[in-house]
Amino acid sequence: MAEIVTSAENDPLKFLKDFTSARIAIGHAGTSIPIKESLEFKLAHAHARDAVYSAMDTDTILGQLRQFNLPVLTLQSRAESRAVYLQRPDFGRVLKQESADILEHQVQGADIAIVAADGLSAIAVEHHLAELLSLLLPKLQEAGFSIGPICLVQQGRVAIADDIGDKLKAGLSLIFIGERPGLSAADSMGAYLTYRPRPGLTDDSRNCISNIRSGGLDKDAAVSKIFYLIQESFRRKLSGVMLKDNAGLL
């Protein structure tokens, strides 16, 4: 008996593909999905695994950041390897002592400490950080905010920006980090900002702008959201659950 294949082209839900990269209207071959869709799923899974285990190419990123004429520091969390990073999230939230010592000798007291960490997708930072900063930094500087050294952190988690911001005595920390990859995006970057950063803060103290990537939140929109939240954070002297993104309602 011949195998019956239902094409995605004839699926009444196909029009939804214009609005999402999720796997919908993929058709079926008997009780299974078509071979093409099965192979694409396996490829996406491989890309996601590669992203999680990818190492930050600090040389490439350093070259991208030279255009901003700001000091750039390369730092390391207490997680000495990718295996330790994945098994001990707490190690990724704290700087190793040698990196902490580097910060002790930097100019302190800037309004904003900018951090970039590999997180769970180093390629996200490589793909998006420099272009996003090229849009954001002029807006921050024009608004009168002082910027501390840009800190590149290997094996870093979101909360490591609290440690860095505290040591630099910054008014606010802003960390860009590779997000957990999904099966439709392996290079998604998130941004988290925290007013008066210090060790021990929890996630309710931060604001998050997520899914910064091609096919997700575009960089112009992300920069607008980040800039608005930074301004409001300093104006209201807070961040986190008490600070809402109401820019679209104004």
C-alpha atoms as a PDB file:
ATOM      1  CA  MET A   1       0.000   0.000   0.000  1.00  0.00           C
ATOM      2  CA  ALA A   2       1.442   3.382  -0.984  1.00  0.00           C
ATOM      3  CA  GLU A   3       2.361   5.849   1.729  1.00  0.00           C
ATOM      4  CA  ILE A   4       0.026   8.826   1.910  1.00  0.00           C
ATOM      5  CA  VAL A   5       1.761  12.141   2.419  1.00  0.00           C
ATOM      6  CA  THR A   6      -0.189  15.220   3.472  1.00  0.00           C
ATOM      7  CA  SER A   7       1.687  18.289   2.226  1.00  0.00           C
ATOM      8  CA  ALA A   8       2.165  21.322   4.421  1.00  0.00           C
ATOM      9  CA  GLU A   9       1.294  23.390   1.348  1.00  0.00           C
ATOM     10  CA  ASN A  10      -2.329  22.265   1.644  1.00  0.00           C
ATOM     11  CA  ASP A  11      -2.606  22.733   5.395  1.00  0.00           C
ATOM     12  CA  PRO A  12      -5.229  25.342   6.373  1.00  0.00           C
ATOM     13  CA  LEU A  13      -2.887  26.554   9.153  1.00  0.00           C
ATOM     14  CA  LYS A  14      -0.075  27.327   6.725  1.00  0.00           C
ATOM     15  CA  PHE A  15      -0.808  31.077   6.808  1.00  0.00           C
ATOM     16  CA  LEU A  16       0.321  31.113  10.456  1.00  0.00           C
ATOM     17  CA  LYS A  17       3.886  30.406   9.309  1.00  0.00           C
ATOM     18  CA  ASP A  18       4.062  34.071   8.317  1.00  0.00           C
ATOM     19  CA  PHE A  19       3.832  34.987  12.018  1.00  0.00           C
ATOM     20  CA  THR A  20       6.027  32.411  13.753  1.00  0.00           C
ATOM     21  CA  SER A  21       9.095  30.271  13.235  1.00  0.00           C
ATOM     22  CA  ALA A  22       7.550  27.526  15.391  1.00  0.00           C
ATOM     23  CA  ARG A  23       7.035  24.135  13.767  1.00  0.00           C
ATOM     24  CA  ILE A  24       3.425  24.259  12.631  1.00  0.00           C
ATOM     25  CA  ALA A  25       1.677  23.002   9.487  1.00  0.00           C
ATOM     26  CA  ILE A  26       4.509  20.554   8.747  1.00  0.00           C
ATOM     27  CA  GLY A  27       2.239  17.911   7.208  1.00  0.00           C
ATOM     28  CA  HIS A  28       2.552  14.182   7.828  1.00  0.00           C
ATOM     29  CA  ALA A  29       3.471  10.908   6.165  1.00  0.00           C
ATOM     30  CA  GLY A  30       1.060   8.356   7.530  1.00  0.00           C
ATOM     31  CA  THR A  31       1.398   8.661  11.303  1.00  0.00           C
ATOM     32  CA  SER A  32       4.860  10.264  11.097  1.00  0.00           C
ATOM     33  CA  ILE A  33       6.166  13.659  10.093  1.00  0.00           C
ATOM     34  CA  PRO A  34       7.761  14.025   6.637  1.00  0.00           C
ATOM     35  CA  ILE A  35      11.438  13.135   6.252  1.00  0.00           C
ATOM     36  CA  LYS A  36      12.385  16.712   5.339  1.00  0.00           C
ATOM     37  CA  GLU A  37      10.812  18.073   8.537  1.00  0.00           C
ATOM     38  CA  SER A  38      12.390  15.297  10.611  1.00  0.00           C
ATOM     39  CA  LEU A  39      15.852  16.119   9.267  1.00  0.00           C
ATOM     40  CA  GLU A  40      15.330  19.851   9.831  1.00  0.00           C
ATOM     41  CA  PHE A  41      14.327  19.130  13.445  1.00  0.00           C
ATOM     42  CA  LYS A  42      17.504  17.096  14.017  1.00  0.00           C
ATOM     43  CA  LEU A  43      19.608  19.869  12.467  1.00  0.00           C
ATOM     44  CA  ALA A  44      17.992  22.503  14.709  1.00  0.00           C
ATOM     45  CA  HIS A  45      18.635  20.292  17.738  1.00  0.00           C
ATOM     46  CA  ALA A  46      22.288  19.980  16.738  1.00  0.00           C
ATOM     47  CA  HIS A  47      22.572  23.782  16.374  1.00  0.00           C
ATOM     48  CA  ALA A  48      21.061  24.218  19.852  1.00  0.00           C
ATOM     49  CA  ARG A  49      23.534  21.770  21.404  1.00  0.00           C
ATOM     50  CA  ASP A  50      26.439  23.455  19.613  1.00  0.00           C
ATOM     51  CA  ALA A  51      25.313  26.845  20.950  1.00  0.00           C
ATOM     52  CA  VAL A  52      25.204  25.610  24.541  1.00  0.00           C
ATOM     53  CA  TYR A  53      28.729  24.214  24.334  1.00  0.00           C
ATOM     54  CA  SER A  54      30.201  26.999  22.207  1.00  0.00           C
ATOM     55  CA  ALA A  55      33.100  29.043  23.568  1.00  0.00           C
ATOM     56  CA  MET A  56      33.193  32.814  23.394  1.00  0.00           C
ATOM     57  CA  ASP A  57      35.553  34.060  20.680  1.00  0.00           C
ATOM     58  CA  THR A  58      36.942  36.929  22.734  1.00  0.00           C
ATOM     59  CA  ASP A  59      39.428  38.004  20.049  1.00  0.00           C
ATOM     60  CA  THR A  60      36.636  38.520  17.528  1.00  0.00           C
ATOM     61  CA  ILE A  61      34.458  40.402  19.998  1.00  0.00           C
ATOM     62  CA  LEU A  62      37.359  42.577  21.160  1.00  0.00           C
ATOM     63  CA  GLY A  63      37.960  43.537  17.555  1.00  0.00           C
ATOM     64  CA  GLN A  64      34.281  44.429  17.136  1.00  0.00           C
ATOM     65  CA  LEU A  65      34.288  46.609  20.263  1.00  0.00           C
ATOM     66  CA  ARG A  66      37.323  48.746  19.385  1.00  0.00           C
ATOM     67  CA  GLN A  67      35.069  51.140  17.471  1.00  0.00           C
ATOM     68  CA  PHE A  68      33.542  52.436  20.720  1.00  0.00           C
ATOM     69  CA  ASN A  69      36.787  53.772  22.240  1.00  0.00           C
ATOM     70  CA  LEU A  70      35.924  52.360  25.650  1.00  0.00           C
ATOM     71  CA  PRO A  71      38.137  50.157  27.825  1.00  0.00           C
ATOM     72  CA  VAL A  72      37.246  46.480  27.445  1.00  0.00           C
ATOM     73  CA  LEU A  73      38.072  43.959  30.166  1.00  0.00           C
ATOM     74  CA  THR A  74      38.155  40.185  29.714  1.00  0.00           C
ATOM     75  CA  LEU A  75      36.964  38.483  32.892  1.00  0.00           C
ATOM     76  CA  GLN A  76      36.221  34.947  34.062  1.00  0.00           C
ATOM     77  CA  SER A  77      33.622  33.558  36.445  1.00  0.00           C
ATOM     78  CA  ARG A  78      34.453  30.920  39.038  1.00  0.00           C
ATOM     79  CA  ALA A  79      33.363  28.243  36.545  1.00  0.00           C
ATOM     80  CA  GLU A  80      36.684  27.117  35.088  1.00  0.00           C
ATOM     81  CA  SER A  81      35.180  25.018  32.292  1.00  0.00           C
ATOM     82  CA  ARG A  82      31.962  24.574  30.335  1.00  0.00           C
ATOM     83  CA  ALA A  83      31.196  21.367  32.194  1.00  0.00           C
ATOM     84  CA  VAL A  84      31.486  23.127  35.562  1.00  0.00           C
ATOM     85  CA  TYR A  85      29.451  26.061  34.251  1.00  0.00           C
ATOM     86  CA  LEU A  86      26.550  23.808  33.273  1.00  0.00           C
ATOM     87  CA  GLN A  87      26.654  21.767  36.488  1.00  0.00           C
ATOM     88  CA  ARG A  88      27.261  24.631  38.951  1.00  0.00           C
ATOM     89  CA  PRO A  89      25.156  27.696  38.053  1.00  0.00           C
ATOM     90  CA  ASP A  90      26.271  29.375  41.287  1.00  0.00           C
ATOM     91  CA  PHE A  91      29.882  29.456  40.044  1.00  0.00           C
ATOM     92  CA  GLY A  92      28.768  31.376  36.953  1.00  0.00           C
ATOM     93  CA  ARG A  93      27.279  34.154  39.100  1.00  0.00           C
ATOM     94  CA  VAL A  94      30.539  35.152  40.802  1.00  0.00           C
ATOM     95  CA  LEU A  95      33.865  36.386  39.447  1.00  0.00           C
ATOM     96  CA  LYS A  96      37.005  34.387  40.066  1.00  0.00           C
ATOM     97  CA  GLN A  97      39.373  36.242  42.347  1.00  0.00           C
ATOM     98  CA  GLU A  98      41.845  37.284  39.643  1.00  0.00           C
ATOM     99  CA  SER A  99      39.038  38.966  37.693  1.00  0.00           C
ATOM    100  CA  ALA A 100      37.683  40.647  40.809  1.00  0.00           C
ATOM    101  CA  ASP A 101      41.172  42.061  41.423  1.00  0.00           C
ATOM    102  CA  ILE A 102      41.206  43.568  37.903  1.00  0.00           C
ATOM    103  CA  LEU A 103      38.069  45.568  38.702  1.00  0.00           C
ATOM    104  CA  GLU A 104      39.604  46.979  41.858  1.00  0.00           C
ATOM    105  CA  HIS A 105      42.038  48.967  39.681  1.00  0.00           C
ATOM    106  CA  GLN A 106      39.453  50.437  37.285  1.00  0.00           C
ATOM    107  CA  VAL A 107      37.836  53.856  37.329  1.00  0.00           C
ATOM    108  CA  GLN A 108      34.720  53.496  39.470  1.00  0.00           C
ATOM    109  CA  GLY A 109      31.444  55.307  39.895  1.00  0.00           C
ATOM    110  CA  ALA A 110      30.142  55.357  36.299  1.00  0.00           C
ATOM    111  CA  ASP A 111      26.400  55.506  35.775  1.00  0.00           C
ATOM    112  CA  ILE A 112      26.266  52.291  33.764  1.00  0.00           C
ATOM    113  CA  ALA A 113      28.396  49.152  33.823  1.00  0.00           C
ATOM    114  CA  ILE A 114      28.016  47.209  30.581  1.00  0.00           C
ATOM    115  CA  VAL A 115      28.662  43.470  30.715  1.00  0.00           C
ATOM    116  CA  ALA A 116      28.561  40.811  27.996  1.00  0.00           C
ATOM    117  CA  ALA A 117      28.571  37.121  28.920  1.00  0.00           C
ATOM    118  CA  ASP A 118      28.442  33.948  26.869  1.00  0.00           C
ATOM    119  CA  GLY A 119      25.566  32.485  28.878  1.00  0.00           C
ATOM    120  CA  LEU A 120      24.040  29.525  27.063  1.00  0.00           C
ATOM    121  CA  SER A 121      24.859  30.781  23.564  1.00  0.00           C
ATOM    122  CA  ALA A 122      28.184  32.481  22.987  1.00  0.00           C
ATOM    123  CA  ILE A 123      27.364  32.858  19.290  1.00  0.00           C
ATOM    124  CA  ALA A 124      24.453  35.151  20.200  1.00  0.00           C
ATOM    125  CA  VAL A 125      26.869  37.673  21.703  1.00  0.00           C
ATOM    126  CA  GLU A 126      29.220  37.376  18.733  1.00  0.00           C
ATOM    127  CA  HIS A 127      26.357  37.939  16.276  1.00  0.00           C
ATOM    128  CA  HIS A 128      24.496  40.791  17.953  1.00  0.00           C
ATOM    129  CA  LEU A 129      26.465  42.656  20.652  1.00  0.00           C
ATOM    130  CA  ALA A 130      28.533  45.088  18.563  1.00  0.00           C
ATOM    131  CA  GLU A 131      25.687  46.133  16.279  1.00  0.00           C
ATOM    132  CA  LEU A 132      23.327  46.677  19.224  1.00  0.00           C
ATOM    133  CA  LEU A 133      25.911  48.742  21.126  1.00  0.00           C
ATOM    134  CA  SER A 134      26.529  50.858  18.025  1.00  0.00           C
ATOM    135  CA  LEU A 135      22.875  51.919  18.297  1.00  0.00           C
ATOM    136  CA  LEU A 136      22.627  52.135  22.088  1.00  0.00           C
ATOM    137  CA  LEU A 137      25.858  53.824  23.194  1.00  0.00           C
ATOM    138  CA  PRO A 138      25.317  57.086  21.253  1.00  0.00           C
ATOM    139  CA  LYS A 139      21.846  57.430  22.796  1.00  0.00           C
ATOM    140  CA  LEU A 140      23.212  56.857  26.317  1.00  0.00           C
ATOM    141  CA  GLN A 141      26.108  59.258  25.851  1.00  0.00           C
ATOM    142  CA  GLU A 142      23.889  61.922  24.293  1.00  0.00           C
ATOM    143  CA  ALA A 143      21.587  61.612  27.320  1.00  0.00           C
ATOM    144  CA  GLY A 144      24.561  62.311  29.602  1.00  0.00           C
ATOM    145  CA  PHE A 145      25.124  58.851  31.087  1.00  0.00           C
ATOM    146  CA  SER A 146      28.708  57.919  31.899  1.00  0.00           C
ATOM    147  CA  ILE A 147      29.800  54.441  30.794  1.00  0.00           C
ATOM    148  CA  GLY A 148      32.276  52.235  32.630  1.00  0.00           C
ATOM    149  CA  PRO A 149      34.552  49.676  30.979  1.00  0.00           C
ATOM    150  CA  ILE A 150      32.813  47.019  28.914  1.00  0.00           C
ATOM    151  CA  CYS A 151      33.312  43.691  30.658  1.00  0.00           C
ATOM    152  CA  LEU A 152      33.455  40.464  28.628  1.00  0.00           C
ATOM    153  CA  VAL A 153      32.803  37.513  30.925  1.00  0.00           C
ATOM    154  CA  GLN A 154      33.528  33.917  30.067  1.00  0.00           C
ATOM    155  CA  GLN A 155      31.251  31.298  31.671  1.00  0.00           C
ATOM    156  CA  GLY A 156      28.987  34.013  33.070  1.00  0.00           C
ATOM    157  CA  ARG A 157      25.399  33.950  34.332  1.00  0.00           C
ATOM    158  CA  VAL A 158      23.027  36.924  34.547  1.00  0.00           C
ATOM    159  CA  ALA A 159      23.743  37.661  38.214  1.00  0.00           C
ATOM    160  CA  ILE A 160      27.457  38.140  37.609  1.00  0.00           C
ATOM    161  CA  ALA A 161      26.540  41.674  36.514  1.00  0.00           C
ATOM    162  CA  ASP A 162      25.535  42.339  40.143  1.00  0.00           C
ATOM    163  CA  ASP A 163      29.031  41.403  41.274  1.00  0.00           C
ATOM    164  CA  ILE A 164      30.671  43.499  38.537  1.00  0.00           C
ATOM    165  CA  GLY A 165      28.390  46.514  39.009  1.00  0.00           C
ATOM    166  CA  ASP A 166      28.996  46.470  42.745  1.00  0.00           C
ATOM    167  CA  LYS A 167      32.791  46.324  42.373  1.00  0.00           C
ATOM    168  CA  LEU A 168      32.704  49.184  39.838  1.00  0.00           C
ATOM    169  CA  LYS A 169      30.291  51.122  42.080  1.00  0.00           C
ATOM    170  CA  ALA A 170      28.031  51.664  39.080  1.00  0.00           C
ATOM    171  CA  GLY A 171      24.564  53.128  39.332  1.00  0.00           C
ATOM    172  CA  LEU A 172      23.143  50.458  37.035  1.00  0.00           C
ATOM    173  CA  SER A 173      24.386  47.247  35.451  1.00  0.00           C
ATOM    174  CA  LEU A 174      23.377  46.182  31.952  1.00  0.00           C
ATOM    175  CA  ILE A 175      24.294  42.657  30.871  1.00  0.00           C
ATOM    176  CA  PHE A 176      23.921  41.161  27.410  1.00  0.00           C
ATOM    177  CA  ILE A 177      23.919  37.378  27.492  1.00  0.00           C
ATOM    178  CA  GLY A 178      23.290  34.418  25.212  1.00  0.00           C
ATOM    179  CA  GLU A 179      19.906  32.900  25.975  1.00  0.00           C
ATOM    180  CA  ARG A 180      19.018  29.234  26.211  1.00  0.00           C
ATOM    181  CA  PRO A 181      18.726  28.113  22.562  1.00  0.00           C
ATOM    182  CA  GLY A 182      15.488  26.690  21.257  1.00  0.00           C
ATOM    183  CA  LEU A 183      14.726  24.615  18.203  1.00  0.00           C
ATOM    184  CA  SER A 184      13.889  27.695  16.161  1.00  0.00           C
ATOM    185  CA  ALA A 185      16.706  29.992  17.347  1.00  0.00           C
ATOM    186  CA  ALA A 186      20.202  29.201  18.584  1.00  0.00           C
ATOM    187  CA  ASP A 187      21.538  32.779  18.621  1.00  0.00           C
ATOM    188  CA  SER A 188      19.022  34.678  20.762  1.00  0.00           C
ATOM    189  CA  MET A 189      20.477  37.334  23.075  1.00  0.00           C
ATOM    190  CA  GLY A 190      18.881  38.804  26.186  1.00  0.00           C
ATOM    191  CA  ALA A 191      19.548  42.059  28.048  1.00  0.00           C
ATOM    192  CA  TYR A 192      19.061  42.495  31.809  1.00  0.00           C
ATOM    193  CA  LEU A 193      19.340  45.757  33.702  1.00  0.00           C
ATOM    194  CA  THR A 194      19.573  46.209  37.456  1.00  0.00           C
ATOM    195  CA  TYR A 195      19.523  49.448  39.422  1.00  0.00           C
ATOM    196  CA  ARG A 196      22.102  49.686  42.235  1.00  0.00           C
ATOM    197  CA  PRO A 197      23.573  46.236  41.515  1.00  0.00           C
ATOM    198  CA  ARG A 198      25.012  44.242  44.389  1.00  0.00           C
ATOM    199  CA  PRO A 199      25.528  40.557  45.216  1.00  0.00           C
ATOM    200  CA  GLY A 200      22.510  38.751  46.612  1.00  0.00           C
ATOM    201  CA  LEU A 201      19.824  40.345  44.439  1.00  0.00           C
ATOM    202  CA  THR A 202      17.225  38.047  42.910  1.00  0.00           C
ATOM    203  CA  ASP A 203      15.506  38.086  39.528  1.00  0.00           C
ATOM    204  CA  ASP A 204      12.670  40.310  40.737  1.00  0.00           C
ATOM    205  CA  SER A 205      15.253  43.129  40.906  1.00  0.00           C
ATOM    206  CA  ARG A 206      15.974  43.021  37.162  1.00  0.00           C
ATOM    207  CA  ASN A 207      14.269  43.981  33.939  1.00  0.00           C
ATOM    208  CA  CYS A 208      14.693  41.681  30.952  1.00  0.00           C
ATOM    209  CA  ILE A 209      14.513  42.348  27.217  1.00  0.00           C
ATOM    210  CA  SER A 210      14.544  38.948  25.541  1.00  0.00           C
ATOM    211  CA  ASN A 211      14.754  37.296  22.115  1.00  0.00           C
ATOM    212  CA  ILE A 212      17.045  39.858  20.466  1.00  0.00           C
ATOM    213  CA  ARG A 213      17.842  38.273  17.101  1.00  0.00           C
ATOM    214  CA  SER A 214      16.925  38.190  13.447  1.00  0.00           C
ATOM    215  CA  GLY A 215      13.398  36.832  13.351  1.00  0.00           C
ATOM    216  CA  GLY A 216      12.800  37.914  16.937  1.00  0.00           C
ATOM    217  CA  LEU A 217      13.025  41.356  18.548  1.00  0.00           C
ATOM    218  CA  ASP A 218      14.974  43.513  16.103  1.00  0.00           C
ATOM    219  CA  LYS A 219      17.847  45.642  17.379  1.00  0.00           C
ATOM    220  CA  ASP A 220      16.170  49.012  16.871  1.00  0.00           C
ATOM    221  CA  ALA A 221      13.199  47.927  18.973  1.00  0.00           C
ATOM    222  CA  ALA A 222      15.478  46.362  21.589  1.00  0.00           C
ATOM    223  CA  VAL A 223      17.554  49.546  21.882  1.00  0.00           C
ATOM    224  CA  SER A 224      14.410  51.658  22.291  1.00  0.00           C
ATOM    225  CA  LYS A 225      13.178  49.410  25.101  1.00  0.00           C
ATOM    226  CA  ILE A 226      16.553  49.301  26.860  1.00  0.00           C
ATOM    227  CA  PHE A 227      17.045  53.060  26.630  1.00  0.00           C
ATOM    228  CA  TYR A 228      13.546  53.768  27.931  1.00  0.00           C
ATOM    229  CA  LEU A 229      13.970  51.392  30.887  1.00  0.00           C
ATOM    230  CA  ILE A 230      17.391  52.841  31.779  1.00  0.00           C
ATOM    231  CA  GLN A 231      15.993  56.367  31.809  1.00  0.00           C
ATOM    232  CA  GLU A 232      13.023  55.310  33.917  1.00  0.00           C
ATOM    233  CA  SER A 233      15.230  53.294  36.255  1.00  0.00           C
ATOM    234  CA  PHE A 234      17.391  56.311  37.091  1.00  0.00           C
ATOM    235  CA  ARG A 235      14.391  58.623  37.280  1.00  0.00           C
ATOM    236  CA  ARG A 236      12.493  56.356  39.673  1.00  0.00           C
ATOM    237  CA  LYS A 237      15.600  54.882  41.361  1.00  0.00           C
ATOM    238  CA  LEU A 238      14.481  51.272  40.994  1.00  0.00           C
ATOM    239  CA  SER A 239      14.331  48.329  38.615  1.00  0.00           C
ATOM    240  CA  GLY A 240      12.630  44.958  38.434  1.00  0.00           C
ATOM    241  CA  VAL A 241       8.983  44.158  39.045  1.00  0.00           C
ATOM    242  CA  MET A 242       8.196  47.754  40.062  1.00  0.00           C
ATOM    243  CA  LEU A 243       9.467  49.098  36.733  1.00  0.00           C
ATOM    244  CA  LYS A 244       7.254  48.431  33.702  1.00  0.00           C
ATOM    245  CA  ASP A 245       7.861  49.049  30.027  1.00  0.00           C
ATOM    246  CA  ASN A 246       5.111  51.543  29.345  1.00  0.00           C
ATOM    247  CA  ALA A 247       6.822  53.200  26.400  1.00  0.00           C
ATOM    248  CA  GLY A 248       4.282  51.811  23.956  1.00  0.00           C
ATOM    249  CA  LEU A 249       1.419  53.226  26.039  1.00  0.00           C
ATOM    250  CA  LEU A 250       2.663  56.802  26.140  1.00  0.00           C
END
